Protein backbone atom coordinates (compact mmCIF):
# COMPACT_ATOMS: atom_id res chain seq x y z
CA MET A 1 104.12 136.19 37.44
CA ARG A 2 101.16 138.57 37.48
CA PHE A 3 100.48 140.69 40.55
CA LEU A 4 96.83 141.54 41.24
CA GLN A 5 95.96 144.12 43.88
CA PRO A 6 92.22 144.70 44.36
CA THR A 7 91.02 147.39 46.77
CA THR A 8 87.52 146.01 47.48
CA TRP A 9 86.13 142.58 48.28
CA ALA A 10 84.04 142.61 45.11
CA GLU A 11 87.16 143.29 43.04
CA ALA A 12 89.00 140.49 44.83
CA LEU A 13 86.28 137.96 44.07
CA GLU A 14 86.11 139.06 40.46
CA ALA A 15 89.89 138.73 40.13
CA LYS A 16 89.79 135.22 41.59
CA THR A 17 87.10 134.27 39.07
CA VAL A 18 89.13 135.57 36.14
CA HIS A 19 92.37 134.10 37.53
CA PRO A 20 91.40 130.92 39.45
CA ASP A 21 95.06 129.88 39.56
CA ALA A 22 96.04 133.05 41.43
CA VAL A 23 97.35 132.45 44.95
CA ALA A 24 95.92 134.79 47.57
CA ILE A 25 98.41 136.57 49.79
CA ALA A 26 97.85 138.65 52.93
CA GLY A 27 100.73 138.50 55.42
CA GLY A 28 102.84 136.40 53.08
CA THR A 29 104.44 134.49 55.95
CA ASP A 30 103.76 131.15 54.24
CA VAL A 31 103.35 132.02 50.57
CA MET A 32 106.48 134.15 50.19
CA VAL A 33 108.64 131.60 51.98
CA ALA A 34 107.51 128.99 49.46
CA VAL A 35 108.11 131.39 46.57
CA ASN A 36 111.57 132.38 47.82
CA PHE A 37 112.62 128.74 48.19
CA GLY A 38 111.32 127.83 44.75
CA ARG A 39 108.61 125.50 46.05
CA LEU A 40 105.81 127.66 44.65
CA ARG A 41 105.60 129.41 41.27
CA PRO A 42 102.03 130.64 40.88
CA ALA A 43 100.87 132.21 37.64
CA ALA A 44 99.60 135.15 39.69
CA LEU A 45 99.59 136.54 43.22
CA LEU A 46 96.35 138.05 44.53
CA ASP A 47 97.31 140.65 47.14
CA LEU A 48 94.47 141.17 49.63
CA THR A 49 96.15 143.66 51.94
CA ARG A 50 94.20 146.62 50.54
CA VAL A 51 90.80 144.99 51.10
CA GLY A 52 89.73 146.72 54.31
CA GLU A 53 86.79 144.42 55.06
CA LEU A 54 89.14 141.50 55.63
CA GLN A 55 90.94 143.32 58.43
CA GLU A 56 87.87 143.79 60.61
CA TRP A 57 86.20 141.68 63.27
CA GLY A 58 82.91 142.00 65.11
CA THR A 59 80.20 140.08 66.93
CA GLU A 60 76.68 139.19 65.87
CA ASP A 61 74.25 137.16 67.98
CA GLY A 62 77.14 136.09 70.19
CA VAL A 63 79.28 134.86 67.28
CA VAL A 64 82.69 136.40 66.63
CA ARG A 65 83.28 137.04 62.94
CA LEU A 66 87.04 137.29 62.47
CA GLY A 67 88.06 138.75 59.13
CA ALA A 68 90.55 136.63 57.22
CA GLY A 69 93.07 139.49 57.17
CA VAL A 70 93.17 140.19 60.93
CA PRO A 71 96.76 139.47 62.06
CA TYR A 72 97.67 137.24 64.99
CA ALA A 73 98.90 140.22 67.01
CA ARG A 74 95.38 141.66 67.03
CA VAL A 75 93.85 138.30 67.92
CA ILE A 76 96.09 138.32 71.00
CA THR A 77 95.40 141.89 72.09
CA GLU A 78 91.78 142.31 71.02
CA LEU A 79 90.26 138.84 71.32
CA GLY A 80 92.22 137.21 74.12
CA ASP A 81 89.27 137.49 76.50
CA ARG A 82 86.73 136.02 74.07
CA LEU A 83 88.90 133.43 72.32
CA PRO A 84 91.72 132.58 74.74
CA GLY A 85 92.52 129.28 73.00
CA LEU A 86 93.12 130.99 69.67
CA ALA A 87 95.07 133.75 71.41
CA MET A 88 97.29 131.16 73.12
CA ALA A 89 97.97 129.53 69.77
CA SER A 90 98.71 132.92 68.20
CA ARG A 91 101.34 133.68 70.84
CA THR A 92 103.32 130.61 69.75
CA ILE A 93 103.50 131.65 66.11
CA GLY A 94 106.83 132.92 64.87
CA SER A 95 108.27 136.21 66.03
CA PRO A 96 106.54 139.54 66.78
CA GLN A 97 107.13 140.55 63.15
CA ILE A 98 105.41 137.40 61.87
CA ARG A 99 102.52 137.82 64.32
CA ASN A 100 102.07 141.36 63.03
CA ARG A 101 101.75 140.07 59.45
CA GLY A 102 100.44 136.50 59.57
CA THR A 103 96.69 135.83 59.67
CA VAL A 104 94.31 133.05 60.67
CA GLY A 105 92.87 133.26 57.16
CA GLY A 106 96.30 132.55 55.71
CA ASN A 107 96.79 129.62 58.08
CA LEU A 108 93.51 128.16 56.84
CA ALA A 109 94.29 128.79 53.18
CA THR A 110 97.62 126.98 53.48
CA ALA A 111 95.85 124.11 55.30
CA SER A 112 99.13 122.71 56.60
CA PRO A 113 98.74 119.88 59.13
CA ALA A 114 101.18 121.82 61.32
CA GLY A 115 99.29 125.14 61.20
CA ASP A 116 99.19 126.48 64.74
CA ALA A 117 95.69 128.00 64.62
CA HIS A 118 93.93 124.79 63.53
CA PRO A 119 93.70 122.93 66.87
CA ALA A 120 92.13 125.94 68.60
CA LEU A 121 89.64 126.46 65.77
CA LEU A 122 88.66 122.78 65.83
CA ALA A 123 88.17 122.78 69.59
CA ALA A 124 85.94 125.86 69.36
CA ASP A 125 83.77 124.41 66.54
CA ALA A 126 84.59 127.28 64.21
CA GLU A 127 83.10 127.77 60.76
CA VAL A 128 84.96 129.09 57.73
CA GLU A 129 83.12 131.68 55.66
CA VAL A 130 84.16 131.50 52.01
CA ALA A 131 82.93 133.47 49.03
CA SER A 132 83.04 133.78 45.26
CA VAL A 133 81.06 135.75 42.71
CA ARG A 134 78.58 132.87 42.98
CA GLY A 135 77.81 133.67 46.60
CA THR A 136 78.87 132.96 50.17
CA ARG A 137 78.85 129.71 52.12
CA THR A 138 80.06 128.50 55.51
CA ILE A 139 82.06 125.31 56.01
CA PRO A 140 82.30 123.58 59.41
CA ILE A 141 85.94 123.56 60.40
CA SER A 142 86.00 119.76 60.63
CA ASP A 143 84.99 119.55 56.97
CA PHE A 144 87.41 122.21 55.75
CA TYR A 145 90.59 120.09 55.68
CA ARG A 146 90.69 117.61 52.79
CA GLY A 147 94.30 116.42 52.74
CA VAL A 148 97.88 117.56 53.21
CA LYS A 149 97.71 121.27 52.39
CA ARG A 150 94.34 120.77 50.67
CA SER A 151 91.08 122.37 51.69
CA ALA A 152 87.42 122.47 50.69
CA LEU A 153 87.90 125.79 48.88
CA ALA A 154 86.72 125.80 45.26
CA ALA A 155 89.08 127.24 42.65
CA ASP A 156 87.16 130.54 42.49
CA GLU A 157 86.66 130.97 46.26
CA LEU A 158 88.45 133.08 48.84
CA ILE A 159 88.28 132.91 52.63
CA ALA A 160 86.30 135.87 53.95
CA ALA A 161 86.25 135.18 57.68
CA VAL A 162 86.16 132.66 60.48
CA ARG A 163 83.01 132.45 62.59
CA ILE A 164 83.39 131.31 66.19
CA ARG A 165 80.84 131.17 68.96
CA PRO A 166 83.13 131.53 72.00
CA PRO A 167 83.06 128.36 74.10
CA SER A 168 81.23 128.90 77.39
CA GLY A 169 84.00 127.21 79.37
CA PRO A 170 87.78 127.38 79.61
CA GLN A 171 90.03 126.92 76.58
CA GLN A 172 93.60 125.69 76.46
CA TYR A 173 96.35 125.16 73.91
CA SER A 174 99.67 123.34 74.03
CA LYS A 175 102.45 122.95 71.50
CA ILE A 176 105.64 120.89 71.45
CA GLY A 177 108.66 122.20 69.55
CA THR A 178 112.39 122.62 69.86
CA ARG A 179 111.82 126.12 71.24
CA ASN A 180 108.89 128.42 72.06
CA ALA A 181 108.83 130.51 68.88
CA MET A 182 110.02 130.51 65.25
CA VAL A 183 109.42 126.77 65.11
CA ILE A 184 107.03 124.37 63.37
CA ALA A 185 105.11 122.27 65.89
CA VAL A 186 106.17 118.69 66.44
CA ALA A 187 102.65 118.24 67.81
CA ALA A 188 99.94 120.58 69.08
CA PHE A 189 96.67 120.22 70.93
CA GLY A 190 93.69 122.47 71.56
CA LEU A 191 90.93 121.95 74.11
CA ALA A 192 87.67 123.75 74.85
CA LEU A 193 84.99 122.97 77.43
CA HIS A 194 81.41 123.73 76.45
CA PRO A 195 79.46 123.36 79.73
CA ASP A 196 76.40 125.13 78.35
CA ARG A 197 75.81 122.14 76.08
CA ARG A 198 77.76 119.60 78.13
CA ALA A 199 80.30 119.04 75.37
CA VAL A 200 84.06 118.94 74.91
CA GLY A 201 86.03 120.17 71.90
CA THR A 202 89.49 119.04 70.83
CA GLY A 203 91.95 119.75 68.04
CA ILE A 204 95.10 117.86 67.02
CA GLY A 205 97.85 119.49 64.98
CA SER A 206 101.01 118.22 63.28
CA ALA A 207 100.17 114.58 64.00
CA ALA A 208 98.04 113.47 61.04
CA PRO A 209 97.67 114.26 57.31
CA THR A 210 95.20 116.98 58.31
CA PRO A 211 94.31 118.80 61.51
CA ARG A 212 91.62 116.72 63.19
CA ARG A 213 89.44 116.32 66.24
CA ALA A 214 89.68 113.45 68.72
CA THR A 215 85.97 112.66 68.68
CA ALA A 216 86.17 109.48 70.76
CA ALA A 217 88.05 111.40 73.46
CA GLU A 218 85.47 114.19 73.33
CA ASP A 219 82.56 111.78 73.71
CA PHE A 220 84.28 109.86 76.51
CA LEU A 221 85.08 112.94 78.58
CA ALA A 222 81.69 114.58 78.08
CA GLY A 223 80.02 111.32 79.10
CA GLU A 224 82.19 110.91 82.20
CA LEU A 225 81.55 114.47 83.32
CA ALA A 226 77.81 114.04 82.84
CA SER A 227 77.46 110.62 84.48
CA ALA A 228 79.45 111.68 87.54
CA GLY A 229 77.61 115.00 87.83
CA LEU A 230 80.90 116.88 87.53
CA TRP A 231 79.53 119.60 85.25
CA GLU A 232 77.28 120.63 88.13
CA SER A 233 79.43 119.82 91.16
CA ARG A 234 82.73 121.01 89.68
CA ALA A 235 84.43 118.45 91.88
CA GLU A 236 87.97 117.25 91.30
CA LEU A 237 88.50 115.31 88.08
CA PRO A 238 89.52 111.67 88.67
CA ALA A 239 93.06 110.92 87.54
CA THR A 240 91.84 107.83 85.71
CA THR A 241 89.47 109.96 83.62
CA ALA A 242 92.26 112.36 82.63
CA ALA A 243 94.57 109.45 81.79
CA ARG A 244 91.97 107.76 79.61
CA PHE A 245 91.23 111.04 77.87
CA GLY A 246 94.93 111.37 77.03
CA GLU A 247 95.03 107.84 75.66
CA LEU A 248 92.03 108.46 73.42
CA VAL A 249 93.47 111.73 72.10
CA ALA A 250 96.72 109.97 71.24
CA SER A 251 94.87 107.13 69.51
CA ALA A 252 93.13 109.65 67.22
CA ALA A 253 96.47 110.72 65.72
CA ALA A 254 98.06 109.28 62.61
CA PRO A 255 101.58 110.75 62.66
CA ILE A 256 104.69 110.05 60.63
CA ASP A 257 108.41 110.06 61.33
CA ASP A 258 110.12 113.17 59.97
CA VAL A 259 113.03 115.49 60.73
CA ARG A 260 111.11 117.16 63.56
CA GLY A 261 110.13 114.04 65.49
CA THR A 262 109.10 110.41 65.38
CA ALA A 263 105.56 109.14 65.17
CA ALA A 264 105.97 107.47 68.56
CA TYR A 265 107.10 110.71 70.17
CA ARG A 266 104.16 112.61 68.70
CA VAL A 267 101.69 110.06 70.07
CA HIS A 268 103.29 110.25 73.52
CA ALA A 269 103.39 114.06 73.44
CA LEU A 270 99.71 114.28 72.54
CA SER A 271 98.76 112.06 75.45
CA VAL A 272 100.73 114.26 77.85
CA MET A 273 99.41 117.52 76.37
CA ALA A 274 95.83 116.28 76.50
CA ARG A 275 96.11 115.39 80.20
CA ARG A 276 97.82 118.66 81.06
CA THR A 277 95.47 120.94 79.15
CA LEU A 278 92.48 119.13 80.62
CA GLY A 279 93.92 119.63 84.10
CA TRP A 280 94.45 123.34 83.51
CA ALA A 281 91.02 123.81 81.96
CA TRP A 282 89.22 121.87 84.68
CA THR A 283 91.00 123.79 87.44
CA GLU A 284 89.88 127.02 85.80
CA TYR A 285 86.33 125.70 85.44
CA ARG A 286 86.18 124.66 89.10
CA THR A 287 87.23 128.11 90.30
CA SER A 288 85.17 130.10 87.82
CA LYS A 289 81.77 131.51 88.72
CA GLU A 290 80.65 131.66 85.10
CA VAL A 291 78.35 129.12 83.39
């Protein structure tokens, strides 16, 4: 196995062009587990830890550009106010040691249906910035996932960053597992309210072949809030609306039975998580003076 260790982004892209079968590694919290258990034997590893640009984040025209190498621990401490949904998801990932090493970019590159960051990114309408020596392009997060652990990345591309315009309303995240940390989600759900454009964002994790949005649930809730004037009045949300939202979220899933849980349990859990996160987010929206 070859070990490639570029020190600049340009060198990294050139190395990926010359070695398209090389597997990129940053924190190694997914890749090295697979290597150690014999599930992955890449011809080469492309170590990106010395590429400083990937470990930076900033804002431009109101959009947060999160470098692919920024670890979860920094998302929590530095971006919790701007991206609370992603920060909530990051807090559920592994142990402090894993959060210090693991990255959102790595979560995306693995493209596991159970990746904890995916529901929050979907709910926030994130975009994935990818690059090669051919140039840079952005992929809407909903189009990024192509199958179980498959993404829209071309063989010569690397993930540079995630671009997120922070939702103007509250964000929430919920995850079901056998314990609070060091566990793969049985099911997960992300929610974001976008009152500036009268929209709702959702994200489902670990309950379909890929992370996905519950678009029918989004359209239903946004329509109900608009028709009842609730965006403006911030009145109490009818229980029937929350219940129907939960049903539509659950119906968007396509889970399987596995060692972590049954398909039926995942569907039920998603319905409950959708209702609860909506309740928390709407309570926050009602009491907030923003937007």
